[in-house]
């Protein structure tokens, strides 16, 4: 399936992307570039970065403003690697508690290892943009040859840093019309819309959405709610849980809804939430899907082996990882990537819970 990609709301300037060399560090913003922008010596910029107390407040402010504007990241390996590669590829994911991210990074690491690259792993947490900026600054200071990122929502400062680094970057698990460099993923909003269209003809008396609070999950929830409302149905109940989600959250959330008299279909942002809902519903002596129907997201291995078997949305994790790794390796080898934006689509797998 090919769906409309979300706009880059986090990048209002929408500046054209510069063409990057596949060579790590080629054309990166340097300390001298910052010095020229401010009109001071490179030594002064170095002192601001390393011994700020030795420089006047006025100069410190000007230098730091230029650093932010240019996206400069201090090179902690300066001197020894100016003309060579580190053979490191940094991978940044929100968490390893989610099987989707852990399994994909493992595949990417295995593919890159064959070509002599090692993966440096960073965890951005939720919400990702809060810690990501500081994390990417720290990662870039180690001069990785390329970056594997999760999602396409980044702060303006992070985008400047990444573009200034002039290294291959692939954003995954989401799509954007204007990626920083390359992107492989799918439309999360389209997932929610497709799930709603699948459930609506079944005539459930009410609908609900139980979702994690991260940006991608919320996009799926919005797509689901809007589609149900446009079909003339009552607006779905919306419940937001912390990320990453787990079975307990699913049980506790549906317990609240059941106590309020809810009966109908629930769309979940994860299979873990959906499993929790099935567990609580059956524990109360109710029937799935007659009293409560539920569909998850991820289609993990256990989804086909629960009782009843869990309906879910499948995204080909192997394809996401293989495509991202192939993109990075091509650019690292100095080759162009024919399709810098790849939509891997998704598939709704209906089983006994719907």
Protein backbone atom coordinates (compact mmCIF):
# COMPACT_ATOMS: atom_id res chain seq x y z
CA UNK A 1 0.00 0.00 0.00
CA UNK A 2 1.23 3.49 -0.78
CA UNK A 3 -0.19 6.28 1.32
CA UNK A 4 0.18 10.01 1.62
CA UNK A 5 3.20 11.08 3.61
CA UNK A 6 2.82 13.55 6.50
CA UNK A 7 4.25 17.06 6.14
CA UNK A 8 7.41 18.09 7.94
CA UNK A 9 5.77 20.14 10.68
CA UNK A 10 9.03 20.20 12.63
CA UNK A 11 10.98 21.80 9.80
CA UNK A 12 9.20 25.08 8.93
CA UNK A 13 12.14 26.43 6.97
CA UNK A 14 12.03 23.42 4.64
CA UNK A 15 15.46 24.34 3.32
CA UNK A 16 16.63 22.29 0.33
CA UNK A 17 18.69 19.29 1.29
CA UNK A 18 22.35 19.56 0.27
CA UNK A 19 23.76 16.62 -1.64
CA UNK A 20 25.98 14.63 0.67
CA UNK A 21 29.20 12.93 -0.08
CA UNK A 22 29.23 9.29 0.99
CA UNK A 23 32.56 9.96 2.65
CA UNK A 24 32.16 10.36 6.40
CA UNK A 25 32.92 13.90 7.54
CA UNK A 26 33.31 15.30 4.00
CA UNK A 27 32.28 18.96 3.95
CA UNK A 28 31.25 19.00 7.62
CA UNK A 29 31.01 22.32 9.42
CA UNK A 30 34.32 23.01 11.16
CA UNK A 31 35.55 25.14 14.03
CA UNK A 32 37.07 27.47 11.43
CA UNK A 33 33.65 27.95 9.82
CA UNK A 34 32.27 29.10 13.16
CA UNK A 35 35.23 31.43 13.65
CA UNK A 36 34.68 33.04 10.24
CA UNK A 37 30.96 33.51 10.93
CA UNK A 38 31.68 35.35 14.19
CA UNK A 39 34.82 37.16 13.00
CA UNK A 40 37.16 35.77 15.64
CA UNK A 41 40.07 33.35 15.61
CA UNK A 42 39.69 29.59 15.67
CA UNK A 43 41.55 29.63 18.99
CA UNK A 44 38.85 31.87 20.47
CA UNK A 45 36.11 29.47 19.35
CA UNK A 46 38.08 26.60 20.85
CA UNK A 47 38.30 28.42 24.16
CA UNK A 48 34.54 29.05 24.15
CA UNK A 49 33.98 25.33 23.64
CA UNK A 50 36.57 24.11 26.14
CA UNK A 51 37.38 26.98 28.54
CA UNK A 52 34.40 29.36 28.37
CA UNK A 53 35.46 31.26 31.51
CA UNK A 54 38.50 32.60 29.62
CA UNK A 55 36.33 34.40 27.05
CA UNK A 56 34.11 37.45 27.53
CA UNK A 57 30.34 36.82 27.87
CA UNK A 58 29.65 38.82 24.70
CA UNK A 59 32.00 36.69 22.60
CA UNK A 60 30.70 33.48 24.19
CA UNK A 61 27.15 34.41 23.24
CA UNK A 62 28.10 35.19 19.63
CA UNK A 63 30.08 31.97 19.24
CA UNK A 64 27.34 29.82 20.73
CA UNK A 65 24.75 31.47 18.48
CA UNK A 66 26.91 30.64 15.43
CA UNK A 67 27.43 27.07 16.65
CA UNK A 68 23.66 26.62 16.88
CA UNK A 69 23.00 28.33 13.55
CA UNK A 70 25.58 26.29 11.64
CA UNK A 71 24.90 22.99 13.41
CA UNK A 72 28.53 22.64 14.41
CA UNK A 73 29.41 19.63 16.58
CA UNK A 74 32.85 19.54 18.25
CA UNK A 75 34.99 16.70 16.93
CA UNK A 76 36.20 14.63 19.89
CA UNK A 77 38.44 12.63 17.57
CA UNK A 78 40.01 15.63 15.86
CA UNK A 79 43.53 15.19 14.57
CA UNK A 80 43.71 11.44 14.26
CA UNK A 81 40.89 10.75 11.83
CA UNK A 82 40.75 13.78 9.60
CA UNK A 83 41.25 11.73 6.44
CA UNK A 84 39.97 8.30 7.49
CA UNK A 85 36.75 6.57 8.42
CA UNK A 86 35.68 5.41 11.84
CA UNK A 87 33.77 2.38 10.44
CA UNK A 88 31.00 3.26 12.91
CA UNK A 89 27.32 3.67 12.07
CA UNK A 90 25.22 5.18 14.85
CA UNK A 91 21.71 3.79 15.34
CA UNK A 92 19.27 5.77 17.48
CA UNK A 93 16.00 4.17 18.63
CA UNK A 94 13.49 5.18 21.35
CA UNK A 95 13.80 1.94 23.33
CA UNK A 96 14.93 -1.67 23.17
CA UNK A 97 11.89 -2.74 25.22
CA UNK A 98 9.88 -2.72 21.99
CA UNK A 99 10.60 -5.82 19.91
CA UNK A 100 10.02 -3.89 16.68
CA UNK A 101 12.98 -1.58 17.24
CA UNK A 102 15.27 -4.18 18.79
CA UNK A 103 14.82 -6.72 16.01
CA UNK A 104 15.28 -4.16 13.25
CA UNK A 105 18.49 -2.76 14.71
CA UNK A 106 19.83 -6.30 15.05
CA UNK A 107 19.21 -6.97 11.36
CA UNK A 108 20.85 -3.68 10.36
CA UNK A 109 23.86 -4.38 12.58
CA UNK A 110 24.30 -7.84 11.05
CA UNK A 111 24.14 -6.45 7.51
CA UNK A 112 26.63 -3.68 8.24
CA UNK A 113 29.02 -6.03 10.05
CA UNK A 114 29.48 -8.04 6.86
CA UNK A 115 30.87 -4.87 5.26
CA UNK A 116 33.14 -4.08 8.20
CA UNK A 117 30.98 -1.52 10.00
CA UNK A 118 30.06 -1.62 13.68
CA UNK A 119 26.87 -0.14 15.14
CA UNK A 120 26.98 2.41 17.94
CA UNK A 121 23.57 2.28 19.67
CA UNK A 122 21.83 5.24 21.30
CA UNK A 123 18.46 5.31 23.09
CA UNK A 124 16.44 8.51 22.70
CA UNK A 125 13.51 7.52 24.92
CA UNK A 126 10.01 9.04 24.73
CA UNK A 127 9.22 11.66 23.63
CA UNK A 128 12.14 11.25 21.27
CA UNK A 129 12.82 14.91 20.46
CA UNK A 130 13.50 15.75 24.13
CA UNK A 131 16.68 13.67 24.45
CA UNK A 132 17.47 13.21 20.78
CA UNK A 133 19.10 16.59 20.26
CA UNK A 134 21.65 16.09 23.02
CA UNK A 135 22.17 12.45 22.04
CA UNK A 136 22.82 13.23 18.38
CA UNK A 137 25.27 15.96 19.33
CA UNK A 138 27.19 13.45 21.44
CA UNK A 139 27.05 10.79 18.73
CA UNK A 140 28.23 13.12 15.97
CA UNK A 141 31.20 14.15 18.09
CA UNK A 142 32.43 10.55 17.70
CA UNK A 143 32.33 11.02 13.91
CA UNK A 144 30.20 8.08 12.76
CA UNK A 145 30.27 7.35 9.05
CA UNK A 146 26.45 7.26 8.87
CA UNK A 147 23.29 7.46 10.98
CA UNK A 148 20.22 5.23 11.34
CA UNK A 149 17.35 7.14 12.96
CA UNK A 150 13.87 6.21 14.13
CA UNK A 151 11.10 8.52 12.95
CA UNK A 152 11.13 11.76 10.97
CA UNK A 153 10.16 14.24 13.70
CA UNK A 154 13.24 16.12 14.88
CA UNK A 155 13.91 19.53 16.37
CA UNK A 156 15.20 22.30 14.12
CA UNK A 157 18.55 22.19 15.93
CA UNK A 158 18.85 18.44 15.32
CA UNK A 159 18.16 18.91 11.63
CA UNK A 160 20.87 21.55 11.40
CA UNK A 161 23.35 19.26 13.13
CA UNK A 162 22.55 16.36 10.83
CA UNK A 163 22.75 18.39 7.65
CA UNK A 164 25.98 20.02 8.76
CA UNK A 165 27.55 16.60 9.40
CA UNK A 166 27.37 15.74 5.67
CA UNK A 167 27.06 11.99 6.27
CA UNK A 168 24.45 9.48 5.04
CA UNK A 169 21.31 9.50 7.21
CA UNK A 170 18.35 7.13 6.92
CA UNK A 171 15.15 7.79 8.87
CA UNK A 172 13.01 4.72 9.51
CA UNK A 173 9.52 3.69 10.66
CA UNK A 174 7.94 6.81 9.17
CA UNK A 175 7.80 8.75 5.93
CA UNK A 176 8.37 12.36 4.98
CA UNK A 177 8.26 14.29 1.73
CA UNK A 178 11.47 16.01 2.78
CA UNK A 179 13.65 13.62 4.75
CA UNK A 180 16.99 14.80 6.04
CA UNK A 181 18.59 12.44 3.52
CA UNK A 182 16.79 9.10 3.04
CA UNK A 183 13.69 7.48 4.57
CA UNK A 184 12.12 4.03 4.68
CA UNK A 185 8.80 3.44 6.39
CA UNK A 186 5.06 3.83 5.98
CA UNK A 187 2.20 6.25 6.73
CA UNK A 188 1.04 5.84 10.32
CA UNK A 189 -2.08 7.87 9.73
CA UNK A 190 -2.99 5.57 6.83
CA UNK A 191 -2.70 2.59 9.20
CA UNK A 192 -5.35 4.08 11.49
CA UNK A 193 -7.60 4.89 8.55
CA UNK A 194 -7.31 1.39 7.12
CA UNK A 195 -8.08 -0.26 10.48
CA UNK A 196 -11.21 1.88 10.86
CA UNK A 197 -12.40 1.01 7.36
CA UNK A 198 -11.93 -2.67 8.14
CA UNK A 199 -13.91 -2.51 11.42
CA UNK A 200 -16.74 -0.17 10.45
CA UNK A 201 -18.70 -2.63 8.24
CA UNK A 202 -18.86 -5.11 11.15
CA UNK A 203 -21.42 -2.94 12.95
CA UNK A 204 -19.86 -2.67 16.40
CA UNK A 205 -21.98 -0.56 18.79
CA UNK A 206 -19.05 1.69 19.75
CA UNK A 207 -15.37 2.23 19.03
CA UNK A 208 -12.35 3.07 21.16
CA UNK A 209 -8.66 3.63 20.58
CA UNK A 210 -6.01 2.82 23.18
CA UNK A 211 -2.69 4.32 22.19
CA UNK A 212 0.78 5.07 23.44
CA UNK A 213 1.61 8.76 23.66
CA UNK A 214 4.42 8.81 21.11
CA UNK A 215 4.04 10.75 17.86
CA UNK A 216 3.73 7.77 15.51
CA UNK A 217 1.13 5.97 17.62
CA UNK A 218 -0.88 9.18 17.97
CA UNK A 219 -0.92 9.59 14.19
CA UNK A 220 -2.45 6.12 13.88
CA UNK A 221 -5.04 7.03 16.53
CA UNK A 222 -5.94 10.24 14.71
CA UNK A 223 -6.40 8.39 11.44
CA UNK A 224 -8.69 5.87 13.15
CA UNK A 225 -10.82 8.48 14.95
CA UNK A 226 -11.22 10.75 11.93
CA UNK A 227 -12.28 7.88 9.68
CA UNK A 228 -14.90 6.64 12.16
CA UNK A 229 -16.33 10.14 12.57
CA UNK A 230 -16.42 10.76 8.82
CA UNK A 231 -18.44 7.55 8.47
CA UNK A 232 -21.15 9.11 10.64
CA UNK A 233 -20.39 7.09 13.77
CA UNK A 234 -19.97 8.47 17.27
CA UNK A 235 -16.44 9.67 18.01
CA UNK A 236 -14.32 6.81 19.41
CA UNK A 237 -13.27 6.89 23.05
CA UNK A 238 -9.57 7.80 23.24
CA UNK A 239 -7.21 6.63 25.95
CA UNK A 240 -3.48 7.46 25.96
CA UNK A 241 -0.92 5.39 27.87
CA UNK A 242 2.81 5.97 28.46
CA UNK A 243 5.31 4.55 25.99
CA UNK A 244 6.54 1.88 25.72
CA UNK A 245 3.29 0.01 26.33
CA UNK A 246 2.75 -3.33 28.04
CA UNK A 247 0.06 -5.90 28.81
CA UNK A 248 -0.76 -4.39 32.20
CA UNK A 249 -1.62 -1.05 30.61
CA UNK A 250 -4.03 -2.80 28.27
CA UNK A 251 -5.76 -4.60 31.14
CA UNK A 252 -6.06 -1.49 33.28
CA UNK A 253 -7.37 0.68 30.45
CA UNK A 254 -10.06 -1.73 29.26
CA UNK A 255 -11.07 -2.39 32.87
CA UNK A 256 -11.93 1.30 33.20
CA UNK A 257 -13.91 1.24 29.96
CA UNK A 258 -15.75 -1.96 30.83
CA UNK A 259 -16.70 -0.57 34.24
CA UNK A 260 -18.25 2.38 32.39
CA UNK A 261 -20.29 0.00 30.23
CA UNK A 262 -18.21 -0.04 27.06
CA UNK A 263 -18.90 -2.75 24.49
CA UNK A 264 -17.47 -2.53 20.99
CA UNK A 265 -14.22 -2.54 18.99
CA UNK A 266 -10.86 -1.30 20.23
CA UNK A 267 -7.89 -0.31 18.06
CA UNK A 268 -4.58 -0.52 19.92
CA UNK A 269 -1.18 0.99 19.18
CA UNK A 270 0.59 -2.27 20.08
CA UNK A 271 0.00 -6.00 20.32
CA UNK A 272 0.93 -5.79 24.01
CA UNK A 273 -1.99 -3.46 24.72
CA UNK A 274 -4.31 -5.66 22.66
CA UNK A 275 -3.22 -8.78 24.53
CA UNK A 276 -3.89 -7.04 27.83
CA UNK A 277 -7.40 -6.15 26.66
CA UNK A 278 -8.13 -9.73 25.59
CA UNK A 279 -6.86 -11.00 28.94
CA UNK A 280 -9.05 -8.65 30.98
CA UNK A 281 -12.16 -9.18 28.86
CA UNK A 282 -11.96 -12.98 29.07
CA UNK A 283 -11.11 -12.85 32.78
CA UNK A 284 -14.45 -11.09 33.32
CA UNK A 285 -16.32 -13.83 31.51
CA UNK A 286 -17.03 -11.68 28.47
CA UNK A 287 -16.53 -12.82 24.90
CA UNK A 288 -14.06 -11.69 22.27
CA UNK A 289 -15.06 -10.42 19.73
CA UNK A 290 -18.80 -10.54 20.56
CA UNK A 291 -18.59 -8.16 23.53
CA UNK A 292 -15.25 -6.54 22.82
CA UNK A 293 -13.28 -6.84 19.60
CA UNK A 294 -9.64 -5.78 19.50
CA UNK A 295 -6.86 -5.28 16.97
CA UNK A 296 -3.21 -4.59 17.76
CA UNK A 297 -0.20 -3.30 15.87
CA UNK A 298 3.08 -5.06 15.09
CA UNK A 299 1.87 -8.64 14.49
CA UNK A 300 4.52 -10.11 16.74
CA UNK A 301 5.11 -13.85 16.91
CA UNK A 302 2.70 -14.43 19.77
CA UNK A 303 -0.25 -12.74 17.99
CA UNK A 304 -1.01 -15.89 15.98
CA UNK A 305 -0.80 -18.12 19.06
CA UNK A 306 -2.94 -16.38 21.67
CA UNK A 307 -6.40 -17.66 22.57
CA UNK A 308 -8.27 -16.23 20.78
CA UNK A 309 -5.74 -15.41 18.07
CA UNK A 310 -4.97 -11.72 17.88
CA UNK A 311 -5.79 -9.50 14.89
CA UNK A 312 -3.00 -7.04 14.15
CA UNK A 313 -1.31 -4.76 11.63
CA UNK A 314 1.82 -6.22 10.11
CA UNK A 315 4.80 -4.19 8.94
CA UNK A 316 7.62 -6.12 7.31
CA UNK A 317 10.41 -5.46 9.81
CA UNK A 318 12.90 -7.44 7.74
CA UNK A 319 12.15 -5.27 4.71
CA UNK A 320 12.53 -2.04 6.70
CA UNK A 321 15.90 -3.16 8.07
CA UNK A 322 17.22 -4.59 4.80
CA UNK A 323 16.22 -1.48 2.85
CA UNK A 324 17.75 0.90 5.40
CA UNK A 325 21.00 -1.08 5.52
CA UNK A 326 21.20 -1.24 1.72
CA UNK A 327 20.70 2.53 1.48
CA UNK A 328 23.46 3.26 3.97
CA UNK A 329 25.91 0.80 2.41
CA UNK A 330 25.29 2.21 -1.06
CA UNK A 331 25.99 5.75 0.07
CA UNK A 332 29.02 4.69 2.10
CA UNK A 333 30.38 3.04 -1.05
CA UNK A 334 29.94 6.30 -2.97
CA UNK A 335 26.89 5.17 -4.97
CA UNK A 336 23.67 7.12 -5.45
CA UNK A 337 20.42 5.71 -4.09
CA UNK A 338 17.82 5.53 -6.85
CA UNK A 339 14.85 5.81 -4.48
CA UNK A 340 15.76 7.83 -1.36
CA UNK A 341 12.17 7.51 -0.03
CA UNK A 342 10.76 3.97 0.22
CA UNK A 343 7.22 3.17 1.37
CA UNK A 344 7.16 -0.43 2.61
CA UNK A 345 3.40 -0.35 3.27
CA UNK A 346 1.53 -2.48 5.80
CA UNK A 347 -0.98 -5.31 5.97
CA UNK A 348 -3.99 -5.88 8.23
CA UNK A 349 -4.03 -9.45 9.54
CA UNK A 350 -7.49 -10.41 10.74
CA UNK A 351 -7.81 -13.27 13.20
CA UNK A 352 -10.30 -14.28 15.88
CA UNK A 353 -10.31 -11.09 17.99
CA UNK A 354 -12.15 -9.09 15.31
